[in-house]
Amino acid sequence: MTAQPIRLFGDPVLRSPAAPVETFDKELRVLVKDLTDTMHAAPGAGLSANQIGVSLQVFTYDIDGVVGHLVNPDLDLSDEEQNGPEGCLSLPGMVFDTPRALRTVAKGFNMHGEPVEIVGNGLLARCVQHETDHLQGVLFIDRLPPAERKKAMREIRNSEWFGAQPPVVKISPHQFDRWF
C-alpha cells in the first residue's frame, strides 16, 4: 500500500489551483495508485492530488463500488440542484449540507491519456464536483450559505486537528518540478 498523508485545512496547497497534467507517464500512474490507496485507507469516496500535496489536476473516486480516476476534468453541470451532506478528508469530522448540481458530465482523460467521460447524478455528481473544486483551490465549505460557513469555520477553529503540524514530506532526489 502506498497511502500518503492527507493535507488538512490551512495547508496552502489546498487553496492553490492545480496545474493541468501534460505528461501521461509512469509517474502519473504511480500518483493515481497512491491516490486510490490513500482514499481507501482514509476511507473516503474521493481524493484529489492536491490533498496529498501534488498540485496536478487528478482525482480518484469510489462510489457505489465503482473505482475510477479522472485527469484534467472539465465539467458540464445541470441546472437542477441537490442539497445533501458532504464532508472532506481535509476537514476531518465535518459534515454540512452543501448545494451541488444534481447531474454532471465530466470529461477528461485516464492515466494513459485516453479520453474519458463520467456521467453521474446524485452522489457521483456530488463527488466529481467536490474533487474538481479541490483542483481549483475551492473547498466544500466555500459553497455553504454564509451562516453555515460561519458555523463551519467555528468548528474548524475548535477542532483538535486545526493548527497541527503538516505532515513531513520526503522530497524525491529526482526532478519532478511539475508535481510540486
N, C-alpha and C. Protein backbone atom coordinates (compact mmCIF):
# COMPACT_ATOMS: atom_id res chain seq x y z
N MET A 1 0.84 -1.18 0.00
CA MET A 1 0.00 0.00 0.00
C MET A 1 0.88 1.24 0.00
N THR A 2 0.46 2.25 -0.71
CA THR A 2 1.23 3.49 -0.80
C THR A 2 0.39 4.69 -0.35
N ALA A 3 -0.31 4.52 0.76
CA ALA A 3 -1.12 5.61 1.29
C ALA A 3 -0.21 6.75 1.71
N GLN A 4 -0.65 7.97 1.43
CA GLN A 4 0.11 9.18 1.72
C GLN A 4 -0.60 9.99 2.79
N PRO A 5 0.12 10.89 3.48
CA PRO A 5 -0.55 11.78 4.44
C PRO A 5 -1.49 12.73 3.71
N ILE A 6 -2.65 12.99 4.30
CA ILE A 6 -3.63 13.90 3.70
C ILE A 6 -3.44 15.29 4.29
N ARG A 7 -3.36 16.27 3.42
CA ARG A 7 -3.19 17.65 3.83
C ARG A 7 -4.50 18.17 4.43
N LEU A 8 -4.38 18.95 5.50
CA LEU A 8 -5.53 19.46 6.22
C LEU A 8 -5.77 20.94 5.92
N PHE A 9 -7.00 21.37 6.20
CA PHE A 9 -7.38 22.77 6.04
C PHE A 9 -6.29 23.66 6.64
N GLY A 10 -5.92 24.68 5.90
CA GLY A 10 -4.85 25.58 6.33
C GLY A 10 -3.59 25.38 5.50
N ASP A 11 -3.43 24.20 4.90
CA ASP A 11 -2.28 23.95 4.04
C ASP A 11 -2.50 24.73 2.74
N PRO A 12 -1.55 25.58 2.34
CA PRO A 12 -1.74 26.41 1.14
C PRO A 12 -1.99 25.62 -0.15
N VAL A 13 -1.54 24.39 -0.25
CA VAL A 13 -1.75 23.61 -1.47
C VAL A 13 -3.24 23.38 -1.73
N LEU A 14 -4.04 23.40 -0.68
CA LEU A 14 -5.49 23.18 -0.84
C LEU A 14 -6.20 24.40 -1.43
N ARG A 15 -5.56 25.56 -1.37
CA ARG A 15 -6.16 26.79 -1.87
C ARG A 15 -5.55 27.26 -3.19
N SER A 16 -4.64 26.48 -3.74
CA SER A 16 -3.97 26.84 -4.99
C SER A 16 -4.50 26.00 -6.14
N PRO A 17 -4.86 26.62 -7.26
CA PRO A 17 -5.29 25.83 -8.42
C PRO A 17 -4.18 24.89 -8.88
N ALA A 18 -4.56 23.67 -9.20
CA ALA A 18 -3.60 22.65 -9.66
C ALA A 18 -3.31 22.83 -11.15
N ALA A 19 -2.15 22.44 -11.55
CA ALA A 19 -1.73 22.53 -12.95
C ALA A 19 -2.29 21.36 -13.76
N PRO A 20 -2.62 21.61 -15.02
CA PRO A 20 -3.06 20.50 -15.88
C PRO A 20 -1.94 19.49 -16.06
N VAL A 21 -2.31 18.24 -16.19
CA VAL A 21 -1.34 17.19 -16.49
C VAL A 21 -0.99 17.29 -17.96
N GLU A 22 0.29 17.30 -18.26
CA GLU A 22 0.75 17.38 -19.64
C GLU A 22 1.44 16.10 -20.10
N THR A 23 1.96 15.33 -19.12
CA THR A 23 2.70 14.12 -19.44
C THR A 23 2.01 12.92 -18.80
N PHE A 24 1.61 11.98 -19.62
CA PHE A 24 0.94 10.77 -19.15
C PHE A 24 1.97 9.66 -19.13
N ASP A 25 2.64 9.52 -17.98
CA ASP A 25 3.77 8.61 -17.88
C ASP A 25 3.66 7.74 -16.63
N LYS A 26 4.74 7.04 -16.32
CA LYS A 26 4.75 6.14 -15.17
C LYS A 26 4.50 6.90 -13.86
N GLU A 27 5.06 8.10 -13.73
CA GLU A 27 4.85 8.89 -12.52
C GLU A 27 3.37 9.20 -12.30
N LEU A 28 2.65 9.47 -13.37
CA LEU A 28 1.22 9.73 -13.26
C LEU A 28 0.49 8.47 -12.81
N ARG A 29 0.85 7.32 -13.35
CA ARG A 29 0.22 6.07 -12.95
C ARG A 29 0.50 5.76 -11.47
N VAL A 30 1.70 6.07 -11.00
CA VAL A 30 2.03 5.90 -9.58
C VAL A 30 1.17 6.86 -8.73
N LEU A 31 1.01 8.09 -9.20
CA LEU A 31 0.18 9.05 -8.48
C LEU A 31 -1.26 8.55 -8.36
N VAL A 32 -1.83 8.04 -9.43
CA VAL A 32 -3.20 7.52 -9.40
C VAL A 32 -3.29 6.36 -8.40
N LYS A 33 -2.30 5.48 -8.39
CA LYS A 33 -2.30 4.36 -7.43
C LYS A 33 -2.21 4.88 -6.00
N ASP A 34 -1.31 5.86 -5.76
CA ASP A 34 -1.18 6.44 -4.43
C ASP A 34 -2.49 7.10 -3.99
N LEU A 35 -3.12 7.82 -4.88
CA LEU A 35 -4.40 8.47 -4.56
C LEU A 35 -5.46 7.43 -4.20
N THR A 36 -5.54 6.38 -4.99
CA THR A 36 -6.53 5.33 -4.75
C THR A 36 -6.26 4.63 -3.41
N ASP A 37 -5.02 4.28 -3.16
CA ASP A 37 -4.66 3.62 -1.89
C ASP A 37 -4.95 4.53 -0.70
N THR A 38 -4.61 5.82 -0.82
CA THR A 38 -4.84 6.77 0.26
C THR A 38 -6.33 6.96 0.50
N MET A 39 -7.11 7.09 -0.58
CA MET A 39 -8.57 7.24 -0.48
C MET A 39 -9.18 6.05 0.25
N HIS A 40 -8.77 4.84 -0.11
CA HIS A 40 -9.32 3.64 0.52
C HIS A 40 -8.88 3.52 1.98
N ALA A 41 -7.64 3.90 2.28
CA ALA A 41 -7.13 3.79 3.65
C ALA A 41 -7.81 4.79 4.58
N ALA A 42 -8.27 5.93 4.05
CA ALA A 42 -8.79 7.01 4.89
C ALA A 42 -10.01 6.63 5.73
N PRO A 43 -11.05 6.02 5.31
CA PRO A 43 -11.53 5.80 3.95
C PRO A 43 -12.34 7.02 3.47
N GLY A 44 -12.38 7.18 2.16
CA GLY A 44 -13.12 8.28 1.56
C GLY A 44 -13.77 7.86 0.26
N ALA A 45 -14.63 8.74 -0.25
CA ALA A 45 -15.33 8.49 -1.52
C ALA A 45 -14.58 9.11 -2.69
N GLY A 46 -13.65 10.01 -2.41
CA GLY A 46 -12.88 10.66 -3.45
C GLY A 46 -11.66 11.33 -2.85
N LEU A 47 -10.67 11.61 -3.69
CA LEU A 47 -9.45 12.27 -3.23
C LEU A 47 -8.78 12.94 -4.41
N SER A 48 -8.43 14.20 -4.23
CA SER A 48 -7.72 14.93 -5.28
C SER A 48 -6.23 14.95 -4.99
N ALA A 49 -5.44 15.13 -6.05
CA ALA A 49 -3.98 15.09 -5.90
C ALA A 49 -3.46 16.15 -4.95
N ASN A 50 -4.05 17.34 -4.95
CA ASN A 50 -3.51 18.36 -4.05
C ASN A 50 -3.76 18.02 -2.58
N GLN A 51 -4.70 17.12 -2.30
CA GLN A 51 -4.92 16.70 -0.91
C GLN A 51 -3.76 15.86 -0.38
N ILE A 52 -2.91 15.36 -1.28
CA ILE A 52 -1.69 14.68 -0.82
C ILE A 52 -0.46 15.51 -1.21
N GLY A 53 -0.69 16.77 -1.54
CA GLY A 53 0.42 17.69 -1.78
C GLY A 53 0.94 17.74 -3.19
N VAL A 54 0.24 17.13 -4.14
CA VAL A 54 0.67 17.12 -5.54
C VAL A 54 -0.27 18.04 -6.32
N SER A 55 0.26 19.12 -6.82
CA SER A 55 -0.56 20.14 -7.47
C SER A 55 -0.75 19.85 -8.96
N LEU A 56 -1.44 18.74 -9.22
CA LEU A 56 -1.79 18.34 -10.58
C LEU A 56 -3.28 18.01 -10.63
N GLN A 57 -3.91 18.23 -11.78
CA GLN A 57 -5.34 18.01 -11.94
C GLN A 57 -5.67 16.53 -12.12
N VAL A 58 -5.73 15.84 -10.99
CA VAL A 58 -6.05 14.40 -10.97
C VAL A 58 -6.87 14.12 -9.72
N PHE A 59 -7.91 13.30 -9.86
CA PHE A 59 -8.61 12.83 -8.67
C PHE A 59 -9.07 11.39 -8.88
N THR A 60 -9.31 10.73 -7.75
CA THR A 60 -9.85 9.37 -7.76
C THR A 60 -11.19 9.38 -7.06
N TYR A 61 -11.98 8.32 -7.29
CA TYR A 61 -13.28 8.20 -6.63
C TYR A 61 -13.63 6.73 -6.47
N ASP A 62 -14.51 6.47 -5.49
CA ASP A 62 -15.05 5.14 -5.25
C ASP A 62 -16.49 5.34 -4.79
N ILE A 63 -17.41 5.26 -5.74
CA ILE A 63 -18.82 5.48 -5.47
C ILE A 63 -19.59 4.23 -5.86
N ASP A 64 -20.33 3.70 -4.90
CA ASP A 64 -21.15 2.50 -5.12
C ASP A 64 -20.34 1.35 -5.72
N GLY A 65 -19.11 1.19 -5.23
CA GLY A 65 -18.26 0.10 -5.70
C GLY A 65 -17.57 0.33 -7.02
N VAL A 66 -17.77 1.50 -7.63
CA VAL A 66 -17.09 1.83 -8.88
C VAL A 66 -15.90 2.72 -8.56
N VAL A 67 -14.71 2.19 -8.81
CA VAL A 67 -13.47 2.92 -8.54
C VAL A 67 -12.95 3.48 -9.85
N GLY A 68 -12.58 4.75 -9.85
CA GLY A 68 -12.06 5.35 -11.06
C GLY A 68 -11.22 6.58 -10.76
N HIS A 69 -10.77 7.21 -11.81
CA HIS A 69 -9.99 8.43 -11.69
C HIS A 69 -10.25 9.30 -12.91
N LEU A 70 -9.90 10.56 -12.80
CA LEU A 70 -10.05 11.49 -13.91
C LEU A 70 -8.90 12.49 -13.88
N VAL A 71 -8.34 12.72 -15.04
CA VAL A 71 -7.23 13.66 -15.21
C VAL A 71 -7.74 14.85 -16.03
N ASN A 72 -7.38 16.06 -15.61
CA ASN A 72 -7.77 17.30 -16.29
C ASN A 72 -9.28 17.39 -16.50
N PRO A 73 -10.06 17.32 -15.41
CA PRO A 73 -11.52 17.31 -15.55
C PRO A 73 -12.09 18.63 -16.07
N ASP A 74 -13.13 18.50 -16.86
CA ASP A 74 -13.92 19.63 -17.35
C ASP A 74 -15.38 19.23 -17.15
N LEU A 75 -16.14 20.04 -16.41
CA LEU A 75 -17.50 19.66 -16.03
C LEU A 75 -18.57 20.43 -16.78
N ASP A 76 -19.66 19.72 -17.07
CA ASP A 76 -20.89 20.32 -17.58
C ASP A 76 -21.95 19.97 -16.54
N LEU A 77 -22.51 21.00 -15.87
CA LEU A 77 -23.42 20.79 -14.76
C LEU A 77 -24.87 21.05 -15.15
N SER A 78 -25.77 20.28 -14.56
CA SER A 78 -27.20 20.50 -14.79
C SER A 78 -27.64 21.75 -14.03
N ASP A 79 -28.75 22.33 -14.46
CA ASP A 79 -29.33 23.48 -13.75
C ASP A 79 -30.05 23.03 -12.49
N GLU A 80 -30.54 21.77 -12.50
CA GLU A 80 -31.25 21.24 -11.34
C GLU A 80 -30.24 20.98 -10.22
N GLU A 81 -30.61 21.35 -8.98
CA GLU A 81 -29.68 21.23 -7.86
C GLU A 81 -30.12 20.17 -6.86
N GLN A 82 -29.17 19.74 -6.05
CA GLN A 82 -29.40 18.87 -4.91
C GLN A 82 -28.75 19.52 -3.70
N ASN A 83 -29.24 19.22 -2.54
CA ASN A 83 -28.63 19.70 -1.30
C ASN A 83 -28.51 18.49 -0.39
N GLY A 84 -27.30 18.17 0.01
CA GLY A 84 -27.12 16.97 0.82
C GLY A 84 -25.83 17.01 1.61
N PRO A 85 -25.67 16.03 2.51
CA PRO A 85 -24.49 16.01 3.38
C PRO A 85 -23.20 15.81 2.59
N GLU A 86 -22.20 16.57 2.99
CA GLU A 86 -20.91 16.49 2.34
C GLU A 86 -19.83 16.68 3.39
N GLY A 87 -18.76 15.92 3.27
CA GLY A 87 -17.61 16.05 4.15
C GLY A 87 -16.36 16.04 3.31
N CYS A 88 -15.22 16.09 3.97
CA CYS A 88 -13.95 16.17 3.25
C CYS A 88 -12.84 15.59 4.11
N LEU A 89 -11.97 14.81 3.50
CA LEU A 89 -10.85 14.22 4.23
C LEU A 89 -9.87 15.29 4.73
N SER A 90 -9.87 16.47 4.11
CA SER A 90 -9.01 17.55 4.55
C SER A 90 -9.64 18.41 5.65
N LEU A 91 -10.89 18.10 5.99
CA LEU A 91 -11.61 18.75 7.10
C LEU A 91 -12.25 17.64 7.93
N PRO A 92 -11.44 16.83 8.62
CA PRO A 92 -11.94 15.63 9.28
C PRO A 92 -13.07 15.90 10.28
N GLY A 93 -14.09 15.04 10.19
CA GLY A 93 -15.20 15.09 11.11
C GLY A 93 -16.27 16.12 10.79
N MET A 94 -16.07 16.92 9.78
CA MET A 94 -17.04 17.96 9.44
C MET A 94 -17.97 17.48 8.34
N VAL A 95 -19.27 17.68 8.54
CA VAL A 95 -20.27 17.34 7.52
C VAL A 95 -21.31 18.45 7.53
N PHE A 96 -21.58 19.00 6.34
CA PHE A 96 -22.59 20.04 6.19
C PHE A 96 -23.38 19.78 4.91
N ASP A 97 -24.67 20.10 4.96
CA ASP A 97 -25.47 20.04 3.73
C ASP A 97 -24.94 21.10 2.78
N THR A 98 -24.59 20.65 1.58
CA THR A 98 -23.93 21.51 0.61
C THR A 98 -24.69 21.47 -0.71
N PRO A 99 -24.98 22.64 -1.29
CA PRO A 99 -25.67 22.66 -2.58
C PRO A 99 -24.72 22.26 -3.72
N ARG A 100 -25.23 21.42 -4.60
CA ARG A 100 -24.48 20.98 -5.79
C ARG A 100 -25.45 20.77 -6.94
N ALA A 101 -24.93 20.71 -8.15
CA ALA A 101 -25.76 20.34 -9.30
C ALA A 101 -26.16 18.87 -9.13
N LEU A 102 -27.38 18.55 -9.56
CA LEU A 102 -27.88 17.18 -9.42
C LEU A 102 -27.17 16.22 -10.36
N ARG A 103 -26.87 16.68 -11.56
CA ARG A 103 -26.21 15.83 -12.57
C ARG A 103 -24.98 16.54 -13.12
N THR A 104 -24.02 15.72 -13.53
CA THR A 104 -22.83 16.28 -14.15
C THR A 104 -22.31 15.34 -15.24
N VAL A 105 -21.70 15.94 -16.23
CA VAL A 105 -20.94 15.21 -17.23
C VAL A 105 -19.52 15.73 -17.10
N ALA A 106 -18.61 14.84 -16.72
CA ALA A 106 -17.20 15.20 -16.54
C ALA A 106 -16.39 14.58 -17.68
N LYS A 107 -15.66 15.43 -18.37
CA LYS A 107 -14.79 14.95 -19.44
C LYS A 107 -13.34 15.19 -19.04
N GLY A 108 -12.49 14.28 -19.45
CA GLY A 108 -11.07 14.39 -19.14
C GLY A 108 -10.35 13.20 -19.75
N PHE A 109 -9.36 12.71 -19.02
CA PHE A 109 -8.53 11.62 -19.52
C PHE A 109 -8.27 10.62 -18.41
N ASN A 110 -7.93 9.39 -18.82
CA ASN A 110 -7.45 8.43 -17.83
C ASN A 110 -5.93 8.58 -17.73
N MET A 111 -5.31 7.77 -16.89
CA MET A 111 -3.87 7.89 -16.65
C MET A 111 -3.01 7.55 -17.86
N HIS A 112 -3.62 7.01 -18.90
CA HIS A 112 -2.89 6.67 -20.13
C HIS A 112 -3.09 7.73 -21.21
N GLY A 113 -3.85 8.78 -20.90
CA GLY A 113 -4.10 9.85 -21.85
C GLY A 113 -5.27 9.61 -22.78
N GLU A 114 -6.06 8.56 -22.50
CA GLU A 114 -7.23 8.26 -23.33
C GLU A 114 -8.43 9.07 -22.82
N PRO A 115 -9.26 9.61 -23.72
CA PRO A 115 -10.42 10.40 -23.29
C PRO A 115 -11.40 9.57 -22.46
N VAL A 116 -11.95 10.23 -21.43
CA VAL A 116 -12.90 9.59 -20.51
C VAL A 116 -14.06 10.55 -20.30
N GLU A 117 -15.26 9.97 -20.15
CA GLU A 117 -16.43 10.76 -19.81
C GLU A 117 -17.15 10.07 -18.66
N ILE A 118 -17.42 10.81 -17.60
CA ILE A 118 -18.15 10.29 -16.45
C ILE A 118 -19.49 11.01 -16.41
N VAL A 119 -20.57 10.26 -16.54
CA VAL A 119 -21.91 10.83 -16.45
C VAL A 119 -22.49 10.35 -15.13
N GLY A 120 -22.86 11.30 -14.27
CA GLY A 120 -23.35 10.89 -12.96
C GLY A 120 -24.42 11.80 -12.42
N ASN A 121 -25.19 11.25 -11.49
CA ASN A 121 -26.14 12.06 -10.76
C ASN A 121 -26.02 11.68 -9.29
N GLY A 122 -26.70 12.42 -8.44
CA GLY A 122 -26.67 12.13 -7.02
C GLY A 122 -25.27 12.15 -6.44
N LEU A 123 -24.89 11.06 -5.75
CA LEU A 123 -23.62 11.00 -5.05
C LEU A 123 -22.41 11.09 -5.98
N LEU A 124 -22.47 10.43 -7.14
CA LEU A 124 -21.36 10.51 -8.08
C LEU A 124 -21.18 11.94 -8.58
N ALA A 125 -22.28 12.60 -8.90
CA ALA A 125 -22.20 14.01 -9.35
C ALA A 125 -21.60 14.88 -8.24
N ARG A 126 -22.03 14.65 -7.01
CA ARG A 126 -21.52 15.42 -5.86
C ARG A 126 -20.01 15.20 -5.71
N CYS A 127 -19.57 13.96 -5.78
CA CYS A 127 -18.16 13.63 -5.62
C CYS A 127 -17.31 14.27 -6.72
N VAL A 128 -17.73 14.15 -7.95
CA VAL A 128 -16.98 14.72 -9.08
C VAL A 128 -16.86 16.23 -8.93
N GLN A 129 -17.94 16.90 -8.52
CA GLN A 129 -17.89 18.35 -8.32
C GLN A 129 -16.97 18.71 -7.16
N HIS A 130 -17.05 17.96 -6.06
CA HIS A 130 -16.22 18.20 -4.88
C HIS A 130 -14.74 18.09 -5.23
N GLU A 131 -14.37 17.01 -5.91
CA GLU A 131 -12.95 16.79 -6.24
C GLU A 131 -12.46 17.79 -7.28
N THR A 132 -13.29 18.14 -8.25
CA THR A 132 -12.89 19.14 -9.24
C THR A 132 -12.71 20.51 -8.56
N ASP A 133 -13.59 20.83 -7.61
CA ASP A 133 -13.40 22.06 -6.83
C ASP A 133 -12.03 22.06 -6.17
N HIS A 134 -11.65 20.95 -5.53
CA HIS A 134 -10.33 20.87 -4.89
C HIS A 134 -9.23 21.27 -5.88
N LEU A 135 -9.32 20.78 -7.09
CA LEU A 135 -8.28 21.05 -8.09
C LEU A 135 -8.25 22.52 -8.51
N GLN A 136 -9.30 23.26 -8.17
CA GLN A 136 -9.36 24.70 -8.45
C GLN A 136 -9.10 25.53 -7.20
N GLY A 137 -8.73 24.87 -6.10
CA GLY A 137 -8.46 25.58 -4.85
C GLY A 137 -9.70 25.95 -4.07
N VAL A 138 -10.81 25.27 -4.33
CA VAL A 138 -12.09 25.55 -3.67
C VAL A 138 -12.42 24.39 -2.74
N LEU A 139 -12.84 24.71 -1.52
CA LEU A 139 -13.27 23.70 -0.56
C LEU A 139 -14.78 23.70 -0.44
N PHE A 140 -15.36 22.57 0.00
CA PHE A 140 -16.81 22.48 0.05
C PHE A 140 -17.42 23.54 0.97
N ILE A 141 -16.70 23.96 2.00
CA ILE A 141 -17.25 24.98 2.89
C ILE A 141 -17.41 26.33 2.18
N ASP A 142 -16.69 26.52 1.08
CA ASP A 142 -16.85 27.75 0.28
C ASP A 142 -18.20 27.79 -0.40
N ARG A 143 -18.85 26.66 -0.56
CA ARG A 143 -20.16 26.55 -1.23
C ARG A 143 -21.32 26.73 -0.25
N LEU A 144 -21.03 26.80 1.03
CA LEU A 144 -22.09 26.90 2.04
C LEU A 144 -22.69 28.30 2.09
N PRO A 145 -23.96 28.39 2.47
CA PRO A 145 -24.55 29.72 2.73
C PRO A 145 -23.76 30.40 3.86
N PRO A 146 -23.75 31.73 3.92
CA PRO A 146 -22.92 32.46 4.89
C PRO A 146 -23.05 32.00 6.35
N ALA A 147 -24.25 31.77 6.83
CA ALA A 147 -24.43 31.36 8.23
C ALA A 147 -23.81 29.98 8.48
N GLU A 148 -23.98 29.06 7.53
CA GLU A 148 -23.40 27.72 7.68
C GLU A 148 -21.88 27.76 7.56
N ARG A 149 -21.39 28.61 6.69
CA ARG A 149 -19.93 28.75 6.55
C ARG A 149 -19.32 29.27 7.84
N LYS A 150 -19.98 30.22 8.47
CA LYS A 150 -19.51 30.77 9.75
C LYS A 150 -19.48 29.65 10.80
N LYS A 151 -20.52 28.83 10.83
CA LYS A 151 -20.57 27.69 11.75
C LYS A 151 -19.42 26.71 11.46
N ALA A 152 -19.17 26.45 10.18
CA ALA A 152 -18.08 25.54 9.79
C ALA A 152 -16.72 26.09 10.24
N MET A 153 -16.51 27.38 10.05
CA MET A 153 -15.23 27.98 10.47
C MET A 153 -15.06 27.88 11.98
N ARG A 154 -16.13 28.03 12.74
CA ARG A 154 -16.07 27.89 14.20
C ARG A 154 -15.69 26.45 14.56
N GLU A 155 -16.30 25.48 13.87
CA GLU A 155 -15.96 24.06 14.12
C GLU A 155 -14.50 23.79 13.79
N ILE A 156 -14.01 24.38 12.71
CA ILE A 156 -12.61 24.19 12.34
C ILE A 156 -11.70 24.72 13.44
N ARG A 157 -11.94 25.94 13.88
CA ARG A 157 -11.10 26.55 14.92
C ARG A 157 -11.11 25.73 16.21
N ASN A 158 -12.25 25.08 16.51
CA ASN A 158 -12.37 24.30 17.74
C ASN A 158 -11.93 22.85 17.60
N SER A 159 -11.59 22.42 16.39
CA SER A 159 -11.19 21.02 16.18
C SER A 159 -9.81 20.75 16.74
N GLU A 160 -9.57 19.51 17.11
CA GLU A 160 -8.25 19.16 17.65
C GLU A 160 -7.18 19.10 16.57
N TRP A 161 -7.57 18.97 15.31
CA TRP A 161 -6.59 18.88 14.23
C TRP A 161 -6.19 20.24 13.68
N PHE A 162 -6.97 21.29 13.93
CA PHE A 162 -6.67 22.61 13.37
C PHE A 162 -5.36 23.15 13.96
N GLY A 163 -4.48 23.58 13.09
CA GLY A 163 -3.20 24.13 13.52
C GLY A 163 -2.14 23.08 13.78
N ALA A 164 -2.48 21.81 13.54
CA ALA A 164 -1.50 20.74 13.73
C ALA A 164 -0.37 20.87 12.72
N GLN A 165 0.76 20.34 13.07
CA GLN A 165 1.90 20.37 12.17
C GLN A 165 1.56 19.62 10.88
N PRO A 166 1.91 20.21 9.73
CA PRO A 166 1.66 19.49 8.48
C PRO A 166 2.53 18.24 8.41
N PRO A 167 2.12 17.25 7.60
CA PRO A 167 2.91 16.02 7.51
C PRO A 167 4.29 16.30 6.91
N VAL A 168 5.25 15.53 7.35
CA VAL A 168 6.59 15.63 6.78
C VAL A 168 6.56 14.98 5.41
N VAL A 169 7.02 15.70 4.43
CA VAL A 169 7.02 15.19 3.06
C VAL A 169 8.46 14.98 2.64
N LYS A 170 8.75 13.75 2.23
CA LYS A 170 10.10 13.44 1.77
C LYS A 170 10.22 13.89 0.32
N ILE A 171 11.25 14.63 0.04
CA ILE A 171 11.49 15.14 -1.31
C ILE A 171 12.28 14.11 -2.10
N SER A 172 11.80 13.82 -3.29
CA SER A 172 12.47 12.86 -4.15
C SER A 172 13.78 13.44 -4.66
N PRO A 173 14.81 12.63 -4.81
CA PRO A 173 16.05 13.11 -5.40
C PRO A 173 15.91 13.32 -6.90
N HIS A 174 14.80 12.87 -7.48
CA HIS A 174 14.56 13.01 -8.91
C HIS A 174 13.89 14.35 -9.18
N GLN A 175 14.04 14.85 -10.36
CA GLN A 175 13.46 16.13 -10.74
C GLN A 175 12.00 15.94 -11.15
N PHE A 176 11.06 16.43 -10.33
CA PHE A 176 9.63 16.34 -10.63
C PHE A 176 9.00 17.70 -10.44
N ASP A 177 9.54 18.74 -11.04
CA ASP A 177 9.05 20.10 -10.84
C ASP A 177 7.56 20.22 -11.10
N ARG A 178 7.04 19.48 -12.04
CA ARG A 178 5.63 19.62 -12.37
C ARG A 178 4.73 18.99 -11.31
N TRP A 179 5.29 18.24 -10.36
CA TRP A 179 4.50 17.56 -9.35
C TRP A 179 4.28 18.39 -8.11
N PHE A 180 5.13 19.35 -7.82
CA PHE A 180 5.02 20.06 -6.54
C PHE A 180 4.83 21.53 -6.74
